[in-house]
Amino acid sequence: MTHIQPAFDGTELTASAPAKSRRTVDDYEAWVDEVWNAFVDAADTGLPFTISGVAADKNLPDPPKPQYQWGHLPERLLNAGIIRAHSVASSRRGTVNGSLVREWIGVPAHQRELVARHRAEARRERIARRVEARKAAAA
């Protein structure tokens, strides 16, 4: 199916029709619980993937505020030690030029707990450094 919009000069611009909107989950935490296993399964394949690619392949629902909450999911997966950054790829979402997005790859299952612990320690250290910097600036 195509969507045709006439241009001002009389020509017609043809583009694919807008995609049917996906189901939206009202509660963010319930949405994370619902989509989590799809991304763990993608990580377990050992192949690179994009968040939008998995969402499209598995027909996953949207979070309550899809404009920015899809971006929070990779951070949670990173902190859980499930994925790591791999490369960049073109988005499969309905953009004209296919904007660049992060491509992810799974962390081997036997290393996930170690990676999650390391990321938590690094976060605590960053927070402690910020607190010390603020104290020094206030003094």
N, C-alpha and C. Protein backbone atom coordinates (compact mmCIF):
# COMPACT_ATOMS: atom_id res chain seq x y z
N MET A 1 0.85 -1.18 0.00
CA MET A 1 0.00 0.00 0.00
C MET A 1 0.90 1.24 0.00
N THR A 2 0.48 2.25 -0.74
CA THR A 2 1.27 3.47 -0.80
C THR A 2 0.42 4.65 -0.39
N HIS A 3 1.10 5.67 -0.01
CA HIS A 3 0.45 6.93 0.35
C HIS A 3 0.91 7.94 -0.68
N ILE A 4 -0.04 8.56 -1.37
CA ILE A 4 0.30 9.50 -2.43
C ILE A 4 -0.07 10.90 -1.99
N GLN A 5 0.88 11.78 -2.07
CA GLN A 5 0.63 13.18 -1.73
C GLN A 5 1.03 14.04 -2.91
N PRO A 6 0.09 14.81 -3.45
CA PRO A 6 0.45 15.67 -4.58
C PRO A 6 1.38 16.79 -4.15
N ALA A 7 2.34 17.10 -4.99
CA ALA A 7 3.24 18.22 -4.74
C ALA A 7 2.63 19.48 -5.35
N PHE A 8 3.15 20.63 -4.99
CA PHE A 8 2.61 21.88 -5.49
C PHE A 8 2.78 22.05 -7.00
N ASP A 9 3.77 21.38 -7.59
CA ASP A 9 3.99 21.53 -9.03
C ASP A 9 3.17 20.55 -9.85
N GLY A 10 2.27 19.80 -9.23
CA GLY A 10 1.39 18.89 -9.94
C GLY A 10 1.89 17.46 -9.98
N THR A 11 3.15 17.22 -9.62
CA THR A 11 3.64 15.84 -9.60
C THR A 11 3.16 15.16 -8.33
N GLU A 12 3.26 13.85 -8.30
CA GLU A 12 2.84 13.10 -7.12
C GLU A 12 4.06 12.45 -6.48
N LEU A 13 4.16 12.58 -5.18
CA LEU A 13 5.22 11.92 -4.43
C LEU A 13 4.64 10.66 -3.82
N THR A 14 5.22 9.53 -4.12
CA THR A 14 4.71 8.27 -3.61
C THR A 14 5.65 7.75 -2.53
N ALA A 15 5.07 7.40 -1.40
CA ALA A 15 5.84 6.83 -0.30
C ALA A 15 5.03 5.70 0.30
N SER A 16 5.68 4.84 1.04
CA SER A 16 4.93 3.77 1.68
C SER A 16 3.98 4.36 2.70
N ALA A 17 2.88 3.69 2.89
CA ALA A 17 1.86 4.17 3.82
C ALA A 17 2.40 4.15 5.24
N PRO A 18 1.92 5.04 6.09
CA PRO A 18 2.36 5.02 7.49
C PRO A 18 2.07 3.65 8.10
N ALA A 19 3.00 3.18 8.91
CA ALA A 19 2.85 1.87 9.53
C ALA A 19 1.69 1.89 10.52
N LYS A 20 1.06 0.71 10.64
CA LYS A 20 0.02 0.59 11.65
C LYS A 20 0.66 0.77 13.01
N SER A 21 0.01 1.53 13.85
CA SER A 21 0.63 1.77 15.16
C SER A 21 0.59 0.49 15.99
N ARG A 22 1.63 0.32 16.78
CA ARG A 22 1.72 -0.85 17.63
C ARG A 22 0.95 -0.61 18.92
N ARG A 23 0.66 -1.70 19.58
CA ARG A 23 0.01 -1.62 20.88
C ARG A 23 0.94 -0.89 21.84
N THR A 24 0.39 -0.10 22.74
CA THR A 24 1.16 0.64 23.73
C THR A 24 0.81 0.12 25.11
N VAL A 25 1.82 -0.16 25.90
CA VAL A 25 1.62 -0.62 27.28
C VAL A 25 1.58 0.62 28.17
N ASP A 26 0.63 0.66 29.11
CA ASP A 26 0.43 1.85 29.95
C ASP A 26 1.47 2.02 31.05
N ASP A 27 2.02 0.93 31.56
CA ASP A 27 2.96 0.99 32.68
C ASP A 27 4.37 0.65 32.17
N TYR A 28 5.32 1.53 32.45
CA TYR A 28 6.68 1.33 31.93
C TYR A 28 7.31 0.04 32.45
N GLU A 29 7.20 -0.22 33.73
CA GLU A 29 7.81 -1.43 34.29
C GLU A 29 7.16 -2.70 33.73
N ALA A 30 5.85 -2.66 33.52
CA ALA A 30 5.16 -3.81 32.90
C ALA A 30 5.65 -4.00 31.47
N TRP A 31 5.89 -2.88 30.77
CA TRP A 31 6.40 -2.97 29.41
C TRP A 31 7.80 -3.59 29.40
N VAL A 32 8.67 -3.16 30.32
CA VAL A 32 10.02 -3.73 30.39
C VAL A 32 9.93 -5.23 30.62
N ASP A 33 9.06 -5.64 31.54
CA ASP A 33 8.90 -7.08 31.81
C ASP A 33 8.43 -7.83 30.56
N GLU A 34 7.57 -7.20 29.78
CA GLU A 34 7.03 -7.86 28.59
C GLU A 34 8.04 -8.00 27.47
N VAL A 35 8.90 -7.01 27.27
CA VAL A 35 9.83 -7.04 26.13
C VAL A 35 11.21 -7.59 26.49
N TRP A 36 11.52 -7.70 27.76
CA TRP A 36 12.86 -8.07 28.22
C TRP A 36 13.37 -9.36 27.58
N ASN A 37 12.56 -10.41 27.61
CA ASN A 37 13.02 -11.71 27.11
C ASN A 37 13.32 -11.70 25.62
N ALA A 38 12.65 -10.86 24.86
CA ALA A 38 12.94 -10.76 23.42
C ALA A 38 14.38 -10.27 23.21
N PHE A 39 14.82 -9.35 24.05
CA PHE A 39 16.18 -8.81 23.90
C PHE A 39 17.22 -9.76 24.49
N VAL A 40 16.86 -10.49 25.53
CA VAL A 40 17.78 -11.52 26.05
C VAL A 40 17.96 -12.61 24.99
N ASP A 41 16.86 -12.99 24.34
CA ASP A 41 16.96 -13.99 23.27
C ASP A 41 17.83 -13.48 22.13
N ALA A 42 17.68 -12.21 21.76
CA ALA A 42 18.51 -11.63 20.70
C ALA A 42 19.98 -11.63 21.11
N ALA A 43 20.24 -11.32 22.37
CA ALA A 43 21.62 -11.32 22.86
C ALA A 43 22.20 -12.73 22.87
N ASP A 44 21.38 -13.71 23.18
CA ASP A 44 21.85 -15.09 23.24
C ASP A 44 22.24 -15.66 21.88
N THR A 45 21.77 -15.05 20.80
CA THR A 45 22.14 -15.55 19.47
C THR A 45 23.61 -15.30 19.15
N GLY A 46 24.20 -14.28 19.80
CA GLY A 46 25.59 -13.94 19.51
C GLY A 46 25.74 -13.10 18.26
N LEU A 47 24.63 -12.72 17.64
CA LEU A 47 24.66 -11.91 16.44
C LEU A 47 24.34 -10.45 16.78
N PRO A 48 24.89 -9.50 16.04
CA PRO A 48 24.56 -8.09 16.28
C PRO A 48 23.09 -7.81 15.98
N PHE A 49 22.51 -6.87 16.71
CA PHE A 49 21.11 -6.51 16.51
C PHE A 49 20.90 -5.05 16.90
N THR A 50 19.80 -4.50 16.44
CA THR A 50 19.40 -3.16 16.86
C THR A 50 18.11 -3.29 17.67
N ILE A 51 17.86 -2.32 18.52
CA ILE A 51 16.64 -2.33 19.33
C ILE A 51 15.42 -2.29 18.42
N SER A 52 15.46 -1.40 17.41
CA SER A 52 14.31 -1.29 16.51
C SER A 52 14.12 -2.56 15.68
N GLY A 53 15.22 -3.23 15.34
CA GLY A 53 15.13 -4.47 14.58
C GLY A 53 14.44 -5.57 15.36
N VAL A 54 14.81 -5.73 16.62
CA VAL A 54 14.17 -6.75 17.46
C VAL A 54 12.70 -6.39 17.68
N ALA A 55 12.44 -5.11 17.92
CA ALA A 55 11.06 -4.68 18.15
C ALA A 55 10.18 -4.97 16.93
N ALA A 56 10.72 -4.74 15.74
CA ALA A 56 9.96 -5.00 14.52
C ALA A 56 9.80 -6.49 14.27
N ASP A 57 10.88 -7.26 14.44
CA ASP A 57 10.83 -8.70 14.19
C ASP A 57 9.87 -9.41 15.13
N LYS A 58 9.85 -9.00 16.38
CA LYS A 58 9.02 -9.66 17.39
C LYS A 58 7.67 -8.97 17.58
N ASN A 59 7.43 -7.89 16.82
CA ASN A 59 6.19 -7.11 16.93
C ASN A 59 5.91 -6.72 18.39
N LEU A 60 6.92 -6.14 19.02
CA LEU A 60 6.82 -5.77 20.43
C LEU A 60 5.97 -4.51 20.60
N PRO A 61 5.31 -4.39 21.74
CA PRO A 61 4.51 -3.19 22.00
C PRO A 61 5.40 -1.99 22.30
N ASP A 62 4.83 -0.82 22.19
CA ASP A 62 5.55 0.41 22.54
C ASP A 62 5.40 0.70 24.02
N PRO A 63 6.39 1.39 24.61
CA PRO A 63 6.26 1.83 26.01
C PRO A 63 5.27 2.99 26.09
N PRO A 64 4.90 3.42 27.30
CA PRO A 64 3.94 4.53 27.43
C PRO A 64 4.36 5.78 26.69
N LYS A 65 5.64 6.10 26.69
CA LYS A 65 6.14 7.30 25.99
C LYS A 65 7.25 6.86 25.04
N PRO A 66 6.87 6.34 23.87
CA PRO A 66 7.86 5.74 22.97
C PRO A 66 8.90 6.71 22.44
N GLN A 67 8.63 8.01 22.46
CA GLN A 67 9.58 8.98 21.93
C GLN A 67 10.93 8.87 22.63
N TYR A 68 10.93 8.55 23.92
CA TYR A 68 12.21 8.47 24.62
C TYR A 68 12.39 7.21 25.45
N GLN A 69 11.33 6.48 25.75
CA GLN A 69 11.50 5.32 26.63
C GLN A 69 12.13 4.12 25.94
N TRP A 70 12.07 4.04 24.61
CA TRP A 70 12.81 2.97 23.94
C TRP A 70 14.30 3.14 24.20
N GLY A 71 14.75 4.36 24.36
CA GLY A 71 16.17 4.62 24.60
C GLY A 71 16.65 4.25 25.98
N HIS A 72 15.73 4.11 26.93
CA HIS A 72 16.11 3.71 28.28
C HIS A 72 16.37 2.20 28.37
N LEU A 73 15.75 1.44 27.50
CA LEU A 73 15.88 -0.02 27.57
C LEU A 73 17.31 -0.51 27.38
N PRO A 74 18.06 -0.02 26.37
CA PRO A 74 19.44 -0.50 26.24
C PRO A 74 20.29 -0.22 27.47
N GLU A 75 20.05 0.90 28.15
CA GLU A 75 20.81 1.19 29.37
C GLU A 75 20.55 0.14 30.44
N ARG A 76 19.30 -0.28 30.57
CA ARG A 76 18.99 -1.34 31.54
C ARG A 76 19.64 -2.66 31.14
N LEU A 77 19.61 -2.97 29.85
CA LEU A 77 20.24 -4.21 29.38
C LEU A 77 21.75 -4.16 29.57
N LEU A 78 22.35 -2.99 29.35
CA LEU A 78 23.78 -2.82 29.60
C LEU A 78 24.10 -3.03 31.08
N ASN A 79 23.33 -2.39 31.94
CA ASN A 79 23.57 -2.48 33.38
C ASN A 79 23.36 -3.90 33.91
N ALA A 80 22.52 -4.66 33.25
CA ALA A 80 22.30 -6.05 33.66
C ALA A 80 23.37 -6.97 33.09
N GLY A 81 24.27 -6.42 32.27
CA GLY A 81 25.35 -7.23 31.70
C GLY A 81 24.91 -8.12 30.56
N ILE A 82 23.78 -7.83 29.93
CA ILE A 82 23.23 -8.68 28.89
C ILE A 82 23.78 -8.31 27.51
N ILE A 83 23.97 -7.01 27.27
CA ILE A 83 24.46 -6.56 25.97
C ILE A 83 25.66 -5.65 26.13
N ARG A 84 26.34 -5.43 25.02
CA ARG A 84 27.40 -4.43 24.95
C ARG A 84 27.33 -3.80 23.57
N ALA A 85 27.89 -2.60 23.45
CA ALA A 85 27.89 -1.90 22.17
C ALA A 85 28.74 -2.66 21.18
N HIS A 86 28.30 -2.71 19.94
CA HIS A 86 29.03 -3.43 18.91
C HIS A 86 29.45 -2.52 17.76
N SER A 87 28.50 -1.80 17.19
CA SER A 87 28.77 -0.97 16.03
C SER A 87 27.60 0.00 15.84
N VAL A 88 27.46 0.52 14.64
CA VAL A 88 26.29 1.32 14.28
C VAL A 88 25.65 0.68 13.05
N ALA A 89 24.35 0.95 12.90
CA ALA A 89 23.62 0.40 11.76
C ALA A 89 22.53 1.39 11.38
N SER A 90 21.87 1.15 10.26
CA SER A 90 20.74 1.98 9.86
C SER A 90 19.49 1.51 10.59
N SER A 91 18.69 2.46 11.00
CA SER A 91 17.45 2.14 11.70
C SER A 91 16.47 1.51 10.73
N ARG A 92 15.68 0.58 11.24
CA ARG A 92 14.64 -0.05 10.42
C ARG A 92 13.31 0.65 10.62
N ARG A 93 13.31 1.70 11.43
CA ARG A 93 12.07 2.45 11.64
C ARG A 93 11.74 3.23 10.39
N GLY A 94 10.57 3.80 10.33
CA GLY A 94 10.08 4.44 9.12
C GLY A 94 10.69 5.80 8.81
N THR A 95 11.99 5.92 8.78
CA THR A 95 12.63 7.18 8.43
C THR A 95 13.03 7.16 6.97
N VAL A 96 13.15 8.32 6.39
CA VAL A 96 13.46 8.42 4.97
C VAL A 96 14.86 7.88 4.68
N ASN A 97 15.85 8.35 5.40
CA ASN A 97 17.23 7.97 5.12
C ASN A 97 17.74 6.85 6.01
N GLY A 98 16.95 6.33 6.93
CA GLY A 98 17.43 5.30 7.83
C GLY A 98 18.53 5.82 8.73
N SER A 99 18.17 6.57 9.73
CA SER A 99 19.15 7.19 10.62
C SER A 99 20.03 6.13 11.29
N LEU A 100 21.22 6.55 11.69
CA LEU A 100 22.14 5.62 12.34
C LEU A 100 21.72 5.37 13.77
N VAL A 101 21.79 4.13 14.17
CA VAL A 101 21.47 3.72 15.54
C VAL A 101 22.57 2.78 16.03
N ARG A 102 22.63 2.61 17.32
CA ARG A 102 23.62 1.72 17.92
C ARG A 102 23.25 0.27 17.61
N GLU A 103 24.26 -0.51 17.29
CA GLU A 103 24.08 -1.93 17.11
C GLU A 103 24.66 -2.61 18.34
N TRP A 104 23.96 -3.59 18.87
CA TRP A 104 24.34 -4.27 20.10
C TRP A 104 24.66 -5.72 19.82
N ILE A 105 25.39 -6.33 20.75
CA ILE A 105 25.68 -7.75 20.68
C ILE A 105 25.62 -8.29 22.10
N GLY A 106 25.26 -9.53 22.24
CA GLY A 106 25.11 -10.11 23.57
C GLY A 106 26.43 -10.40 24.26
N VAL A 107 26.43 -10.25 25.56
CA VAL A 107 27.56 -10.66 26.39
C VAL A 107 27.35 -12.15 26.67
N PRO A 108 28.38 -12.97 26.57
CA PRO A 108 28.21 -14.40 26.86
C PRO A 108 27.57 -14.60 28.25
N ALA A 109 26.67 -15.55 28.32
CA ALA A 109 25.87 -15.76 29.53
C ALA A 109 26.74 -15.95 30.78
N HIS A 110 27.86 -16.63 30.65
CA HIS A 110 28.70 -16.89 31.82
C HIS A 110 29.44 -15.64 32.31
N GLN A 111 29.44 -14.55 31.53
CA GLN A 111 30.12 -13.32 31.94
C GLN A 111 29.17 -12.22 32.38
N ARG A 112 27.88 -12.43 32.26
CA ARG A 112 26.91 -11.36 32.50
C ARG A 112 26.92 -10.84 33.93
N GLU A 113 27.02 -11.72 34.88
CA GLU A 113 27.01 -11.28 36.28
C GLU A 113 28.25 -10.44 36.58
N LEU A 114 29.38 -10.84 36.08
CA LEU A 114 30.63 -10.09 36.27
C LEU A 114 30.54 -8.71 35.62
N VAL A 115 30.01 -8.64 34.41
CA VAL A 115 29.87 -7.36 33.71
C VAL A 115 28.91 -6.45 34.46
N ALA A 116 27.79 -6.99 34.93
CA ALA A 116 26.82 -6.18 35.68
C ALA A 116 27.44 -5.63 36.95
N ARG A 117 28.21 -6.46 37.66
CA ARG A 117 28.87 -6.01 38.88
C ARG A 117 29.88 -4.91 38.59
N HIS A 118 30.65 -5.07 37.52
CA HIS A 118 31.64 -4.07 37.12
C HIS A 118 30.97 -2.74 36.77
N ARG A 119 29.87 -2.78 36.03
CA ARG A 119 29.16 -1.55 35.67
C ARG A 119 28.59 -0.86 36.90
N ALA A 120 28.09 -1.63 37.87
CA ALA A 120 27.55 -1.04 39.10
C ALA A 120 28.66 -0.35 39.89
N GLU A 121 29.82 -0.99 39.98
CA GLU A 121 30.95 -0.38 40.69
C GLU A 121 31.40 0.90 40.00
N ALA A 122 31.45 0.87 38.67
CA ALA A 122 31.86 2.07 37.92
C ALA A 122 30.87 3.21 38.13
N ARG A 123 29.58 2.90 38.17
CA ARG A 123 28.56 3.93 38.44
C ARG A 123 28.74 4.53 39.82
N ARG A 124 28.97 3.68 40.83
CA ARG A 124 29.18 4.17 42.19
C ARG A 124 30.40 5.07 42.27
N GLU A 125 31.47 4.70 41.59
CA GLU A 125 32.69 5.53 41.58
C GLU A 125 32.44 6.88 40.92
N ARG A 126 31.71 6.89 39.80
CA ARG A 126 31.40 8.16 39.12
C ARG A 126 30.58 9.07 40.03
N ILE A 127 29.61 8.50 40.71
CA ILE A 127 28.77 9.29 41.62
C ILE A 127 29.60 9.85 42.76
N ALA A 128 30.48 9.02 43.33
CA ALA A 128 31.34 9.47 44.42
C ALA A 128 32.26 10.61 43.96
N ARG A 129 32.80 10.51 42.75
CA ARG A 129 33.66 11.58 42.22
C ARG A 129 32.87 12.88 42.05
N ARG A 130 31.64 12.78 41.57
CA ARG A 130 30.80 13.97 41.40
C ARG A 130 30.49 14.62 42.74
N VAL A 131 30.18 13.80 43.75
CA VAL A 131 29.89 14.33 45.08
C VAL A 131 31.12 15.05 45.63
N GLU A 132 32.29 14.45 45.49
CA GLU A 132 33.52 15.08 45.96
C GLU A 132 33.80 16.38 45.21
N ALA A 133 33.57 16.39 43.92
CA ALA A 133 33.79 17.61 43.12
C ALA A 133 32.85 18.73 43.56
N ARG A 134 31.61 18.38 43.86
CA ARG A 134 30.64 19.39 44.34
C ARG A 134 31.03 19.92 45.70
N LYS A 135 31.50 19.03 46.56
CA LYS A 135 31.95 19.47 47.89
C LYS A 135 33.14 20.41 47.77
N ALA A 136 34.08 20.06 46.89
CA ALA A 136 35.26 20.90 46.70
C ALA A 136 34.88 22.25 46.10
N ALA A 137 33.91 22.27 45.19
CA ALA A 137 33.50 23.53 44.59
C ALA A 137 32.75 24.41 45.56
N ALA A 138 32.01 23.79 46.50
CA ALA A 138 31.25 24.54 47.48
C ALA A 138 32.15 25.10 48.58
N ALA A 139 33.30 24.49 48.80
CA ALA A 139 34.20 24.92 49.88
C ALA A 139 35.02 26.13 49.53
